[in-house]
Amino acid sequence: MTGVRDGVTGYDPASGAVRWTVPLPGDLCGASPTATRDGQIAVSYGARPGLKVPSQFAVIDAAAGKVAWQTTLKGPASLGLGLTVAISETTAAVGWMRSSTANGGGSHGFDRATGTVIWDRSAPGGDGEEHRSAGEGLVTHSAGPERWVGVTPLPTEQRVGVRDAVTGEATWRYTTRGLGAWIVSSDPLLVAVDTGLQDFASDPDSLRSIAADGSVQAQWTLRTTKGNSDRYIHGCGQHSACACASAVTANGVLYLATDNPVGTKGEMHALDLRTGKRLWAFTPKTDHRSVGVVPLAADAKGVTVMTRPNGLHGTKVYRVSAKDGSARLLFERVNSAFRSLPEEDMYGSYTEDPVIYADGRLFFHRNDFLTRSTRP
């Protein structure tokens, strides 16, 4: 299923045929990237067409293709850029950061089953929040206090924690100085931080593994000033501080792909989340001199990886062993030289939506707020 301009549509995975459509009265502003065990998702949308303000909120039953409940958001509103929507087994939430003196931040949390309001404002000490699903609960990110440059707020502190599913009270697990933060993984907790390197404005340059007591277990450099390039490709969105779709974790291991400048092969590194040490590296077997890799999903036994699509060669999908990095080929797209494939236009190193491999199929989704097309 995917969001379209004024609704949510479910598709048959084999044929691509539309199974159902839930129409919305206004433009879709945000949707939860994950679903509950029984197939519910959360969405925020405008009250009428053309209104880019998330004034409405709903939980949709994706299995049945219908709205479970909906409500009107009270209080301040945002233009929707940077809006995050999340759902867990107990809570559905929407939040956004302050973007200017005129557009303040906000946060709303609801009981997932009934729609009962749990909280209707940002946690004390911040102006706006982002929310991410974390197993049975939600992880929340808040920024503040701020210093102002013209009409732009620049936060000096980033906080990551949880809000109680009954009272809405916030408990902060990790606090750090920085201009921005991205929740890369919620369980285990991984946070990317923009420490303020001038060469990489509004981009994370440090990735940190956070222990249960809030201490930093391990830290990795994402960007370096030398050579003005990435060290690792983490997939954090350019236009939203919401998600980093190219870092996956399982069983205490982080899987990250290295950058691959033209003419070089990228690698995927398995990194210990507790110590930060590299366990092994994987490089796909190919005759091409320039190829990048992208981790898709991981579990205790291994990680599924694809080669980055481009106009020169087709995409390959590998299953890589968590034990030693040995790999077997699962899937390959045949491509003649200089013939563009659809996935090339659907994927970039800055991709908020993860690529999914399931039942022998690759699923791509592109979220582009500059495009006014009604197509997914």
Protein backbone atom coordinates (compact mmCIF):
# COMPACT_ATOMS: atom_id res chain seq x y z
CA MET A 1 0.00 0.00 0.00
CA THR A 2 1.06 3.60 -0.48
CA GLY A 3 -0.14 7.11 0.10
CA VAL A 4 -1.35 9.14 -2.87
CA ARG A 5 -2.19 12.82 -3.01
CA ASP A 6 -5.67 12.51 -1.50
CA GLY A 7 -5.87 9.01 -0.09
CA VAL A 8 -4.27 5.67 0.66
CA THR A 9 -4.27 2.82 -1.85
CA GLY A 10 -3.63 -0.90 -1.40
CA TYR A 11 -2.17 -2.94 -4.28
CA ASP A 12 -1.98 -6.62 -5.18
CA PRO A 13 1.74 -7.48 -4.76
CA ALA A 14 1.74 -9.90 -7.72
CA SER A 15 -0.05 -7.84 -10.37
CA GLY A 16 0.05 -4.28 -9.06
CA ALA A 17 -3.73 -4.05 -9.41
CA VAL A 18 -5.55 -1.76 -6.96
CA ARG A 19 -7.30 -3.76 -4.23
CA TRP A 20 -8.82 -0.84 -2.32
CA THR A 21 -8.60 2.92 -1.88
CA VAL A 22 -9.40 4.94 1.23
CA PRO A 23 -10.20 8.48 -0.01
CA LEU A 24 -9.27 11.48 2.14
CA PRO A 25 -11.00 14.89 1.99
CA GLY A 26 -7.65 16.71 1.71
CA ASP A 27 -4.02 16.17 0.79
CA LEU A 28 -2.07 13.48 2.62
CA CYS A 29 0.63 15.08 4.81
CA GLY A 30 2.25 12.06 6.47
CA ALA A 31 1.87 8.33 7.14
CA SER A 32 3.41 5.85 9.54
CA PRO A 33 6.25 3.90 7.86
CA THR A 34 5.32 0.78 9.83
CA ALA A 35 2.07 -1.05 10.59
CA THR A 36 0.77 -2.85 13.67
CA ARG A 37 0.60 -6.63 13.87
CA ASP A 38 -3.06 -6.55 12.76
CA GLY A 39 -2.31 -4.25 9.81
CA GLN A 40 -3.24 -0.78 11.04
CA ILE A 41 -1.43 2.38 9.87
CA ALA A 42 -1.77 6.04 10.91
CA VAL A 43 -2.08 9.04 8.58
CA SER A 44 -2.35 12.82 8.90
CA TYR A 45 -4.02 14.93 6.21
CA GLY A 46 -5.67 18.25 5.44
CA ALA A 47 -9.33 18.99 5.93
CA ARG A 48 -9.80 20.04 2.28
CA PRO A 49 -7.87 19.87 -1.02
CA GLY A 50 -4.86 22.17 -1.32
CA LEU A 51 -4.62 22.78 2.44
CA LYS A 52 -1.04 21.76 3.36
CA VAL A 53 -1.81 21.68 7.08
CA PRO A 54 -2.16 18.35 8.97
CA SER A 55 -5.45 19.20 10.69
CA GLN A 56 -6.89 15.67 10.53
CA PHE A 57 -5.59 12.35 11.85
CA ALA A 58 -6.81 8.81 11.26
CA VAL A 59 -5.96 5.15 11.81
CA ILE A 60 -6.62 2.95 8.76
CA ASP A 61 -7.21 -0.79 8.79
CA ALA A 62 -5.07 -1.86 5.83
CA ALA A 63 -6.40 -5.43 5.88
CA ALA A 64 -9.98 -4.25 5.40
CA GLY A 65 -9.23 -1.06 3.46
CA LYS A 66 -11.24 1.24 5.71
CA VAL A 67 -10.84 3.91 8.41
CA ALA A 68 -10.85 2.56 11.97
CA TRP A 69 -11.21 6.01 13.54
CA GLN A 70 -10.42 9.64 12.76
CA THR A 71 -10.15 12.92 14.66
CA THR A 72 -9.35 16.63 14.28
CA LEU A 73 -6.02 17.87 15.65
CA LYS A 74 -6.37 20.69 18.16
CA GLY A 75 -3.95 23.57 18.73
CA PRO A 76 -1.05 24.80 16.58
CA ALA A 77 -0.49 23.50 13.06
CA SER A 78 2.49 23.09 10.75
CA LEU A 79 2.92 23.26 6.98
CA GLY A 80 3.65 19.55 7.09
CA LEU A 81 7.32 19.57 6.04
CA GLY A 82 9.22 17.39 8.48
CA LEU A 83 5.98 15.95 9.83
CA THR A 84 6.28 12.46 11.31
CA VAL A 85 3.50 9.98 11.93
CA ALA A 86 4.05 6.76 13.88
CA ILE A 87 2.01 3.88 15.23
CA SER A 88 2.72 1.12 17.74
CA GLU A 89 0.61 -1.62 19.29
CA THR A 90 -0.63 0.88 21.92
CA THR A 91 -0.19 4.43 20.56
CA ALA A 92 -0.61 6.48 17.38
CA ALA A 93 1.14 9.86 17.21
CA VAL A 94 1.90 12.80 14.96
CA GLY A 95 4.53 15.50 15.55
CA TRP A 96 6.54 18.23 13.88
CA MET A 97 9.35 20.61 14.81
CA ARG A 98 9.15 24.40 14.89
CA SER A 99 10.20 25.74 11.47
CA SER A 100 10.03 29.52 12.01
CA THR A 101 8.66 32.20 14.31
CA ALA A 102 5.31 31.79 12.57
CA ASN A 103 5.15 28.00 12.38
CA GLY A 104 5.53 26.41 15.78
CA GLY A 105 5.97 22.74 16.56
CA GLY A 106 3.47 20.32 17.98
CA SER A 107 2.75 16.78 19.08
CA HIS A 108 -0.38 14.67 19.51
CA GLY A 109 -0.71 11.14 20.87
CA PHE A 110 -3.75 8.85 20.82
CA ASP A 111 -4.77 5.45 22.12
CA ARG A 112 -4.29 3.27 19.04
CA ALA A 113 -7.45 1.20 19.55
CA THR A 114 -9.95 3.91 20.54
CA GLY A 115 -8.55 7.26 19.40
CA THR A 116 -8.68 8.65 22.95
CA VAL A 117 -6.32 11.62 23.38
CA ILE A 118 -3.22 10.83 25.50
CA TRP A 119 -1.37 14.12 24.91
CA ASP A 120 -2.03 17.18 22.73
CA ARG A 121 1.13 19.27 23.08
CA SER A 122 4.90 19.01 22.95
CA ALA A 123 6.74 17.65 25.96
CA PRO A 124 7.86 20.37 28.41
CA GLY A 125 11.06 22.15 27.40
CA GLY A 126 10.71 21.74 23.64
CA ASP A 127 8.67 23.07 20.74
CA GLY A 128 7.73 20.16 18.53
CA GLU A 129 8.55 16.47 18.32
CA GLU A 130 9.16 13.60 15.95
CA HIS A 131 7.95 10.07 16.68
CA ARG A 132 9.22 6.64 15.62
CA SER A 133 7.72 3.20 16.25
CA ALA A 134 9.74 1.02 18.63
CA GLY A 135 8.23 -2.43 19.00
CA GLU A 136 5.46 -2.12 21.56
CA GLY A 137 5.91 1.63 22.04
CA LEU A 138 7.13 4.86 20.45
CA VAL A 139 10.41 6.75 20.54
CA THR A 140 10.16 10.54 20.53
CA HIS A 141 12.69 13.21 19.54
CA SER A 142 12.50 16.79 20.82
CA ALA A 143 14.73 19.81 20.18
CA GLY A 144 15.39 22.76 22.46
CA PRO A 145 16.23 25.26 23.77
CA GLU A 146 16.85 27.30 20.62
CA ARG A 147 18.87 30.22 19.34
CA TRP A 148 17.40 32.25 16.50
CA VAL A 149 19.11 33.28 13.25
CA GLY A 150 16.59 35.62 11.60
CA VAL A 151 13.32 33.69 11.49
CA THR A 152 15.05 30.29 11.64
CA PRO A 153 15.29 28.39 14.96
CA LEU A 154 18.58 26.56 15.52
CA PRO A 155 18.29 24.11 18.42
CA THR A 156 21.26 23.73 20.77
CA GLU A 157 20.07 20.49 22.38
CA GLN A 158 18.63 17.21 21.06
CA ARG A 159 16.66 14.80 23.24
CA VAL A 160 15.46 11.26 22.53
CA GLY A 161 13.18 9.25 24.81
CA VAL A 162 9.66 7.90 25.24
CA ARG A 163 6.23 9.25 26.19
CA ASP A 164 4.08 7.17 28.51
CA ALA A 165 1.23 5.41 26.68
CA VAL A 166 -1.21 6.28 29.49
CA THR A 167 -0.14 9.66 30.90
CA GLY A 168 1.87 11.13 28.00
CA GLU A 169 4.72 12.05 30.37
CA ALA A 170 8.14 12.19 28.68
CA THR A 171 11.21 10.32 29.92
CA TRP A 172 14.42 11.33 28.14
CA ARG A 173 16.91 8.54 27.53
CA TYR A 174 19.61 10.50 25.68
CA THR A 175 20.42 14.23 25.48
CA THR A 176 23.19 15.79 23.42
CA ARG A 177 24.24 19.14 21.99
CA GLY A 178 23.77 19.47 18.25
CA LEU A 179 21.86 21.23 15.48
CA GLY A 180 19.83 18.19 14.50
CA ALA A 181 19.18 14.54 15.29
CA TRP A 182 17.77 11.56 13.39
CA ILE A 183 16.32 8.41 14.96
CA VAL A 184 18.05 5.77 12.84
CA SER A 185 16.81 2.81 14.85
CA SER A 186 14.45 2.80 17.80
CA ASP A 187 15.13 -0.66 19.21
CA PRO A 188 18.09 -0.77 19.71
CA LEU A 189 18.41 2.99 19.96
CA LEU A 190 20.63 4.54 17.27
CA VAL A 191 20.82 8.31 16.87
CA ALA A 192 22.52 10.30 14.11
CA VAL A 193 23.60 13.82 15.15
CA ASP A 194 24.49 16.97 13.22
CA THR A 195 27.35 18.26 15.37
CA GLY A 196 27.68 21.46 13.33
CA LEU A 197 30.41 20.70 10.80
CA GLN A 198 30.22 23.66 8.42
CA ASP A 199 30.96 21.52 5.35
CA PHE A 200 27.86 19.42 5.97
CA ALA A 201 25.06 21.78 6.91
CA SER A 202 21.80 20.09 8.01
CA ASP A 203 23.28 16.60 7.67
CA PRO A 204 24.29 14.08 10.35
CA ASP A 205 28.01 13.47 10.72
CA SER A 206 28.00 11.21 13.79
CA LEU A 207 26.11 7.97 14.46
CA ARG A 208 25.76 6.83 18.09
CA SER A 209 24.61 3.61 19.74
CA ILE A 210 22.81 4.39 23.01
CA ALA A 211 22.71 1.96 25.94
CA ALA A 212 19.70 1.42 28.22
CA ASP A 213 21.18 3.81 30.81
CA GLY A 214 21.54 6.62 28.21
CA SER A 215 25.30 6.32 27.76
CA VAL A 216 26.97 6.20 24.35
CA GLN A 217 28.19 2.63 23.75
CA ALA A 218 29.77 3.20 20.33
CA GLN A 219 30.16 6.01 17.83
CA TRP A 220 30.90 6.09 14.09
CA THR A 221 31.93 8.94 11.78
CA LEU A 222 29.40 9.30 8.96
CA ARG A 223 31.03 12.20 7.15
CA THR A 224 34.55 13.56 7.01
CA THR A 225 35.86 16.93 5.89
CA LYS A 226 38.78 15.23 4.14
CA GLY A 227 37.78 14.71 0.52
CA ASN A 228 34.37 16.29 1.24
CA SER A 229 32.63 12.91 1.14
CA ASP A 230 30.63 10.38 3.09
CA ARG A 231 32.36 7.60 4.92
CA TYR A 232 29.12 5.68 5.32
CA ILE A 233 25.84 5.96 3.43
CA HIS A 234 23.08 6.14 6.04
CA GLY A 235 20.16 7.26 3.86
CA CYS A 236 18.89 10.21 5.89
CA GLY A 237 16.37 12.33 3.95
CA GLN A 238 17.56 15.65 2.53
CA HIS A 239 14.25 17.43 3.01
CA SER A 240 13.20 15.99 6.34
CA ALA A 241 14.92 15.10 9.60
CA CYS A 242 12.72 12.01 9.85
CA ALA A 243 14.43 8.79 8.95
CA CYS A 244 17.61 7.09 7.81
CA ALA A 245 16.61 4.16 5.61
CA SER A 246 20.03 2.70 4.75
CA ALA A 247 21.10 1.51 8.20
CA VAL A 248 19.66 -1.74 9.59
CA THR A 249 20.26 -3.61 12.85
CA ALA A 250 19.65 -7.05 14.33
CA ASN A 251 21.00 -9.11 17.22
CA GLY A 252 23.42 -6.41 18.40
CA VAL A 253 24.90 -5.76 14.94
CA LEU A 254 24.68 -2.64 12.78
CA TYR A 255 24.94 -2.97 8.99
CA LEU A 256 26.18 0.10 7.11
CA ALA A 257 27.33 0.57 3.51
CA THR A 258 30.41 2.61 2.64
CA ASP A 259 30.50 5.33 0.02
CA ASN A 260 31.70 4.30 -3.43
CA PRO A 261 33.09 7.15 -5.55
CA VAL A 262 33.01 6.61 -9.33
CA GLY A 263 35.20 3.67 -10.31
CA THR A 264 35.19 2.00 -6.89
CA LYS A 265 33.19 -0.78 -5.23
CA GLY A 266 31.30 -0.08 -2.04
CA GLU A 267 31.33 -2.41 0.92
CA MET A 268 28.88 -3.29 3.66
CA HIS A 269 30.34 -3.40 7.15
CA ALA A 270 28.96 -5.40 10.07
CA LEU A 271 29.59 -3.34 13.22
CA ASP A 272 29.22 -4.35 16.87
CA LEU A 273 26.64 -2.03 18.48
CA ARG A 274 28.25 -2.34 21.89
CA THR A 275 31.94 -1.90 21.05
CA GLY A 276 31.79 -0.22 17.65
CA LYS A 277 34.27 -2.71 16.18
CA ARG A 278 33.96 -3.96 12.61
CA LEU A 279 33.17 -7.69 12.53
CA TRP A 280 33.49 -8.30 8.78
CA ALA A 281 32.99 -6.63 5.38
CA PHE A 282 31.00 -7.73 2.33
CA THR A 283 31.69 -6.74 -1.29
CA PRO A 284 29.39 -8.07 -4.04
CA LYS A 285 30.93 -10.17 -6.79
CA THR A 286 30.71 -8.21 -10.03
CA ASP A 287 32.75 -7.32 -13.08
CA HIS A 288 31.68 -3.68 -12.79
CA ARG A 289 34.24 -1.30 -11.35
CA SER A 290 31.65 1.00 -9.78
CA VAL A 291 28.91 -0.50 -7.64
CA GLY A 292 27.30 0.45 -4.32
CA VAL A 293 25.43 -1.70 -1.82
CA VAL A 294 22.38 -1.05 0.35
CA PRO A 295 21.37 -3.12 3.41
CA LEU A 296 17.61 -3.76 3.32
CA ALA A 297 16.68 -5.82 6.40
CA ALA A 298 18.36 -7.99 9.00
CA ASP A 299 17.61 -10.69 11.54
CA ALA A 300 19.68 -12.87 13.86
CA LYS A 301 20.87 -15.11 11.02
CA GLY A 302 21.78 -12.55 8.39
CA VAL A 303 21.11 -9.41 6.37
CA THR A 304 19.48 -8.90 2.97
CA VAL A 305 21.48 -6.55 0.73
CA MET A 306 20.96 -5.08 -2.73
CA THR A 307 23.37 -3.45 -5.15
CA ARG A 308 22.48 0.17 -5.83
CA PRO A 309 20.56 0.53 -9.13
CA ASN A 310 22.00 2.60 -11.97
CA GLY A 311 21.89 2.83 -15.76
CA LEU A 312 24.83 0.49 -16.31
CA HIS A 313 23.82 -2.73 -14.59
CA GLY A 314 20.81 -4.36 -12.99
CA THR A 315 20.11 -4.66 -9.31
CA LYS A 316 21.18 -7.79 -7.42
CA VAL A 317 19.88 -8.96 -4.03
CA TYR A 318 22.04 -11.07 -1.70
CA ARG A 319 21.47 -12.87 1.57
CA VAL A 320 24.60 -12.33 3.69
CA SER A 321 25.40 -14.49 6.74
CA ALA A 322 25.58 -12.63 10.05
CA LYS A 323 28.27 -15.05 11.19
CA ASP A 324 31.00 -14.47 8.60
CA GLY A 325 29.72 -12.29 5.73
CA SER A 326 29.42 -15.14 3.23
CA ALA A 327 26.68 -14.50 0.67
CA ARG A 328 24.33 -16.17 -1.80
CA LEU A 329 22.51 -14.46 -4.67
CA LEU A 330 18.71 -14.32 -4.30
CA PHE A 331 17.58 -12.08 -7.14
CA GLU A 332 19.01 -10.35 -10.20
CA ARG A 333 17.63 -7.78 -12.61
CA VAL A 334 19.01 -8.25 -16.12
CA ASN A 335 19.86 -4.97 -17.80
CA SER A 336 21.55 -3.97 -21.04
CA ALA A 337 24.14 -1.18 -20.93
CA PHE A 338 22.83 2.40 -20.69
CA ARG A 339 19.22 1.32 -20.40
CA SER A 340 17.60 2.93 -17.40
CA LEU A 341 15.55 0.75 -15.04
CA PRO A 342 12.52 2.00 -13.09
CA GLU A 343 14.27 1.48 -9.74
CA GLU A 344 17.07 3.85 -10.75
CA ASP A 345 14.58 6.75 -10.60
CA MET A 346 13.04 5.44 -7.37
CA TYR A 347 16.20 5.24 -5.30
CA GLY A 348 18.94 7.64 -4.22
CA SER A 349 21.49 7.75 -1.40
CA TYR A 350 19.12 10.14 0.40
CA THR A 351 16.00 7.97 0.70
CA GLU A 352 13.57 8.26 3.57
CA ASP A 353 11.54 5.20 2.60
CA PRO A 354 13.32 1.86 2.89
CA VAL A 355 13.43 -0.58 -0.01
CA ILE A 356 11.66 -3.84 0.86
CA TYR A 357 12.51 -7.34 -0.38
CA ALA A 358 9.78 -9.90 0.29
CA ASP A 359 8.57 -13.07 -1.44
CA GLY A 360 11.15 -12.72 -4.20
CA ARG A 361 10.14 -9.16 -5.06
CA LEU A 362 11.74 -5.75 -4.59
CA PHE A 363 9.40 -2.94 -3.50
CA PHE A 364 10.48 0.67 -4.07
CA HIS A 365 8.65 3.76 -2.88
CA ARG A 366 9.64 7.35 -3.49
CA ASN A 367 8.50 10.19 -1.24
CA ASP A 368 9.05 13.50 -3.06
CA PHE A 369 7.29 16.57 -1.71
CA LEU A 370 8.31 18.57 -4.81
CA THR A 371 6.24 16.31 -7.09
CA ARG A 372 2.55 17.10 -7.51
CA SER A 373 1.75 13.87 -9.33
CA THR A 374 -1.07 11.65 -8.08
CA ARG A 375 1.04 8.55 -8.88
CA PRO A 376 2.74 6.66 -6.01
